Protein backbone atom coordinates (compact mmCIF):
# COMPACT_ATOMS: atom_id res chain seq x y z
CA UNK A 1 99.45 102.78 79.37
CA UNK A 2 102.55 104.40 77.85
CA UNK A 3 105.35 104.41 80.39
CA UNK A 4 104.18 101.57 82.61
CA UNK A 5 102.27 98.30 82.74
CA UNK A 6 99.84 96.78 85.23
CA UNK A 7 99.27 93.11 86.01
CA UNK A 8 97.14 91.34 88.63
CA UNK A 9 97.75 87.70 89.53
CA UNK A 10 96.82 85.73 92.66
CA UNK A 11 95.75 88.96 94.45
CA UNK A 12 99.14 90.56 93.72
CA UNK A 13 98.99 93.70 91.57
CA UNK A 14 102.23 94.90 90.00
CA UNK A 15 102.87 98.29 88.45
CA UNK A 16 106.06 98.19 86.37
CA UNK A 17 107.63 101.48 85.31
CA UNK A 18 108.69 101.16 81.68
CA UNK A 19 110.32 104.29 80.22
CA UNK A 20 113.78 103.18 79.10
CA UNK A 21 116.55 103.62 79.79
CA UNK A 22 116.09 104.96 83.35
CA UNK A 23 112.29 105.06 83.84
CA UNK A 24 112.25 108.84 84.17
CA UNK A 25 108.66 109.90 84.85
CA UNK A 26 107.00 112.71 82.89
CA UNK A 27 103.71 114.45 83.67
CA UNK A 28 101.61 112.23 81.41
CA UNK A 29 103.04 109.05 82.91
CA UNK A 30 102.52 110.30 86.47
CA UNK A 31 98.90 111.11 85.69
CA UNK A 32 98.45 107.65 84.24
CA UNK A 33 100.10 106.07 87.28
CA UNK A 34 97.84 108.00 89.65
CA UNK A 35 94.80 106.76 87.76
CA UNK A 36 96.07 103.19 87.76
CA UNK A 37 96.70 103.19 91.51
CA UNK A 38 93.24 104.63 92.12
CA UNK A 39 91.69 101.94 89.96
CA UNK A 40 93.57 99.12 91.68
CA UNK A 41 92.55 100.47 95.09
CA UNK A 42 88.93 99.75 94.25
CA UNK A 43 89.45 96.10 93.28
CA UNK A 44 88.54 93.55 95.95
CA UNK A 45 90.76 90.92 94.31
CA UNK A 46 93.92 92.99 94.90
CA UNK A 47 95.55 92.18 98.23
CA UNK A 48 98.92 93.87 97.74
CA UNK A 49 100.56 96.26 95.28
CA UNK A 50 104.16 95.90 94.08
CA UNK A 51 105.89 98.82 92.32
CA UNK A 52 108.85 97.83 90.16
CA UNK A 53 110.95 99.12 87.29
CA UNK A 54 111.81 97.45 84.00
CA UNK A 55 115.32 97.45 82.59
CA UNK A 56 118.42 98.66 84.39
CA UNK A 57 116.85 100.97 86.97
CA UNK A 58 113.90 101.41 89.28
CA UNK A 59 113.55 105.09 88.38
CA UNK A 60 115.92 108.04 88.09
CA UNK A 61 113.07 110.37 89.06
CA UNK A 62 110.84 112.93 87.41
CA UNK A 63 111.75 114.63 84.12
CA UNK A 64 114.05 117.53 85.09
CA UNK A 65 112.91 119.59 82.13
CA UNK A 66 109.38 119.58 83.55
CA UNK A 67 110.63 121.03 86.86
CA UNK A 68 111.08 124.36 85.05
CA UNK A 69 108.35 126.96 84.60
CA UNK A 70 105.71 126.84 83.23
CA UNK A 71 105.28 123.09 83.90
CA UNK A 72 106.69 122.86 87.45
CA UNK A 73 103.32 123.08 89.20
CA UNK A 74 101.68 120.55 86.89
CA UNK A 75 104.63 118.21 87.34
CA UNK A 76 104.50 118.44 91.13
CA UNK A 77 100.73 117.90 91.21
CA UNK A 78 100.87 114.90 88.88
CA UNK A 79 103.78 113.24 90.66
CA UNK A 80 102.34 113.82 94.11
CA UNK A 81 98.96 112.46 92.97
CA UNK A 82 100.74 109.20 92.15
CA UNK A 83 102.61 109.14 95.47
CA UNK A 84 99.49 110.09 97.44
CA UNK A 85 97.77 107.17 95.78
CA UNK A 86 100.49 104.88 97.14
CA UNK A 87 100.30 106.44 100.60
CA UNK A 88 96.52 106.08 100.68
CA UNK A 89 96.37 102.64 99.06
CA UNK A 90 94.06 100.46 101.18
CA UNK A 91 96.37 97.44 101.25
CA UNK A 92 100.14 96.93 101.61
CA UNK A 93 102.50 98.39 99.02
CA UNK A 94 105.99 97.06 98.27
CA UNK A 95 108.76 98.74 96.26
CA UNK A 96 111.07 96.38 94.36
CA UNK A 97 114.29 98.39 94.05
CA UNK A 98 117.07 97.59 91.59
CA UNK A 99 119.55 99.81 89.82
CA UNK A 100 119.06 103.51 90.52
CA UNK A 101 116.23 104.94 92.63
CA UNK A 102 117.02 108.65 92.62
CA UNK A 103 115.09 111.83 93.30
CA UNK A 104 111.45 111.19 92.57
CA UNK A 105 112.26 107.51 92.15
CA UNK A 106 113.49 107.43 95.74
CA UNK A 107 110.35 109.30 96.83
CA UNK A 108 108.22 106.57 95.22
CA UNK A 109 110.15 104.05 97.33
CA UNK A 110 109.51 106.14 100.45
CA UNK A 111 105.79 106.23 99.61
CA UNK A 112 105.51 102.44 99.79
CA UNK A 113 104.91 100.56 103.06
CA UNK A 114 107.76 98.14 102.46
CA UNK A 115 110.83 98.37 100.23
CA UNK A 116 113.27 95.65 99.32
CA UNK A 117 116.44 96.64 97.49
CA UNK A 118 119.08 94.62 95.70
CA UNK A 119 122.58 95.06 97.13
CA UNK A 120 123.73 96.61 93.86
CA UNK A 121 120.98 99.26 93.94
CA UNK A 122 121.75 102.91 94.57
CA UNK A 123 119.39 105.39 96.21
CA UNK A 124 119.53 109.09 96.87
CA UNK A 125 117.89 112.51 96.82
CA UNK A 126 120.31 114.57 94.71
CA UNK A 127 117.96 117.52 94.11
CA UNK A 128 120.01 119.95 96.24
CA UNK A 129 122.78 119.73 93.64
CA UNK A 130 120.32 121.30 91.18
CA UNK A 131 119.35 124.02 93.63
CA UNK A 132 116.01 122.48 94.63
CA UNK A 133 114.71 119.96 97.17
CA UNK A 134 112.35 116.94 97.12
CA UNK A 135 109.09 118.11 98.79
CA UNK A 136 107.64 114.68 99.51
CA UNK A 137 110.88 113.37 101.04
CA UNK A 138 111.11 116.52 103.17
CA UNK A 139 107.79 115.46 104.75
CA UNK A 140 108.18 111.68 104.85
CA UNK A 141 111.81 111.15 105.88
CA UNK A 142 111.77 113.11 109.18
CA UNK A 143 108.69 111.10 110.19
CA UNK A 144 110.09 107.72 109.27
CA UNK A 145 113.86 108.04 109.73
CA UNK A 146 114.27 111.02 112.06
CA UNK A 147 115.45 114.60 111.54
CA UNK A 148 119.19 113.91 111.43
CA UNK A 149 118.95 111.13 108.85
CA UNK A 150 116.58 113.26 106.76
CA UNK A 151 118.95 116.23 106.98
CA UNK A 152 121.89 114.14 105.79
CA UNK A 153 119.92 112.73 102.88
CA UNK A 154 118.38 116.02 101.70
CA UNK A 155 121.12 118.54 102.53
CA UNK A 156 124.05 116.55 101.10
CA UNK A 157 122.18 114.92 98.21
CA UNK A 158 124.54 111.96 97.93
CA UNK A 159 123.81 108.87 95.86
CA UNK A 160 124.36 105.92 98.17
CA UNK A 161 124.76 102.17 97.84
CA UNK A 162 121.79 100.24 99.17
CA UNK A 163 123.33 99.31 102.53
CA UNK A 164 124.22 102.92 103.30
CA UNK A 165 120.85 104.14 102.04
CA UNK A 166 119.23 101.66 104.42
CA UNK A 167 121.01 103.39 107.33
CA UNK A 168 119.33 106.68 106.41
CA UNK A 169 115.92 105.08 106.03
CA UNK A 170 115.75 105.44 102.25
CA UNK A 171 114.95 101.75 101.91
CA UNK A 172 113.95 98.88 104.18
CA UNK A 173 115.36 95.44 103.49
CA UNK A 174 118.49 94.84 101.37
CA UNK A 175 119.15 91.44 99.83
CA UNK A 176 121.66 89.90 97.40
CA UNK A 177 120.67 90.62 93.83
CA UNK A 178 119.91 86.98 93.09
CA UNK A 179 117.42 86.87 95.98
CA UNK A 180 115.46 90.02 95.15
CA UNK A 181 112.62 88.48 93.18
CA UNK A 182 112.18 85.59 95.60
CA UNK A 183 112.01 87.97 98.57
CA UNK A 184 109.49 90.21 96.81
CA UNK A 185 107.37 87.20 95.84
CA UNK A 186 107.40 85.86 99.40
CA UNK A 187 106.40 89.18 100.97
CA UNK A 188 103.70 89.78 98.36
CA UNK A 189 102.27 86.28 98.76
CA UNK A 190 102.20 86.70 102.52
CA UNK A 191 100.25 89.96 102.28
CA UNK A 192 97.92 88.62 99.57
CA UNK A 193 96.96 85.67 101.78
CA UNK A 194 95.74 87.92 104.60
CA UNK A 195 92.36 89.60 104.97
CA UNK A 196 92.14 92.59 102.66
CA UNK A 197 89.54 94.18 104.94
CA UNK A 198 91.71 93.81 108.02
CA UNK A 199 94.75 95.14 106.19
CA UNK A 200 92.78 98.21 105.12
CA UNK A 201 91.90 99.02 108.74
CA UNK A 202 95.43 98.29 109.91
CA UNK A 203 96.91 100.72 107.37
CA UNK A 204 94.38 103.34 108.47
CA UNK A 205 95.33 102.77 112.11
CA UNK A 206 99.04 103.04 111.35
CA UNK A 207 98.61 106.39 109.63
CA UNK A 208 96.29 107.81 112.31
CA UNK A 209 98.46 106.51 115.12
CA UNK A 210 101.52 108.31 113.79
CA UNK A 211 100.12 111.84 114.21
CA UNK A 212 99.03 113.97 117.15
CA UNK A 213 99.31 113.48 120.91
CA UNK A 214 99.54 109.87 122.08
CA UNK A 215 96.21 109.86 123.96
CA UNK A 216 94.33 111.35 121.00
CA UNK A 217 95.95 108.92 118.60
CA UNK A 218 95.18 105.93 120.80
CA UNK A 219 91.52 106.93 121.17
CA UNK A 220 91.23 107.33 117.41
CA UNK A 221 92.81 103.93 116.78
CA UNK A 222 90.49 102.37 119.39
CA UNK A 223 87.56 103.76 117.40
CA UNK A 224 88.92 102.21 114.22
CA UNK A 225 89.33 98.88 116.01
CA UNK A 226 85.92 98.75 117.71
CA UNK A 227 83.68 100.58 115.22
CA UNK A 228 85.26 99.57 111.94
CA UNK A 229 87.44 96.46 112.23
CA UNK A 230 85.18 94.53 114.60
CA UNK A 231 82.17 95.19 112.37
CA UNK A 232 83.75 93.41 109.44
CA UNK A 233 83.18 89.75 108.63
CA UNK A 234 86.88 88.87 108.67
CA UNK A 235 87.94 90.03 112.15
CA UNK A 236 85.50 87.77 114.04
CA UNK A 237 86.25 84.96 111.58
CA UNK A 238 89.98 85.17 112.22
CA UNK A 239 89.54 85.13 115.98
CA UNK A 240 87.00 82.28 115.86
CA UNK A 241 89.25 80.27 113.56
CA UNK A 242 92.07 80.51 116.09
CA UNK A 243 89.76 79.36 118.89
CA UNK A 244 88.59 76.42 116.75
CA UNK A 245 92.16 75.56 115.63
CA UNK A 246 91.39 75.88 111.92
CA UNK A 247 92.54 78.14 109.07
CA UNK A 248 90.44 81.28 108.64
CA UNK A 249 88.20 81.66 105.59
CA UNK A 250 88.62 85.27 104.55
CA UNK A 251 85.74 86.98 102.77
CA UNK A 252 87.62 90.30 102.43
CA UNK A 253 84.56 92.04 103.84
């Protein structure tokens, strides 16, 4: 697809943004990305999804020209379809962050389960300087980083070095540049080696457990555990393998 590439190897799928020089995303690319994520979600041989950027940046965000009328609504819908696909992906997602991850690029990072940034990376949500705000970050950051960190990130709109961005919850792990690929590979391999079926239920439980009153959330997660997870082939296999002191044989079903 123009603007990005997709590879799958050893149960690790990788989407690489490829719109030089800064991987700015336009409407057509976002629609293609949403379709690609949806397609990968349906593949049993995909155990983890890595989102990366080619060249000197992860992504400087969505095309600013398309934020203007009459394309603003189409832009928002296309970009959010891509990010919703990441949020709803049935197995773990990992953002590989290098260079700049700004605006919509930072929101893509926030949409992934895990994010690992190079020390030289910069992250930020500078939209307020243009008189607008990032809708997805306004929803995700208060839930993941807290209201005060979200307020600092959105209301000041500063571009921050990776270590400072980590403090505000814009990224997870930060590693020396030379270690970025090795850390990504290790995390992806770890996830790919686990039961895809169990990971799917765990992601569902994490999302359901994060909303609503505690008792309601716990009852809902108990239902997922007893009526979904324990009816799979892999959950009993993993438990029985531990009892028998042997490696589990995942069927991803």
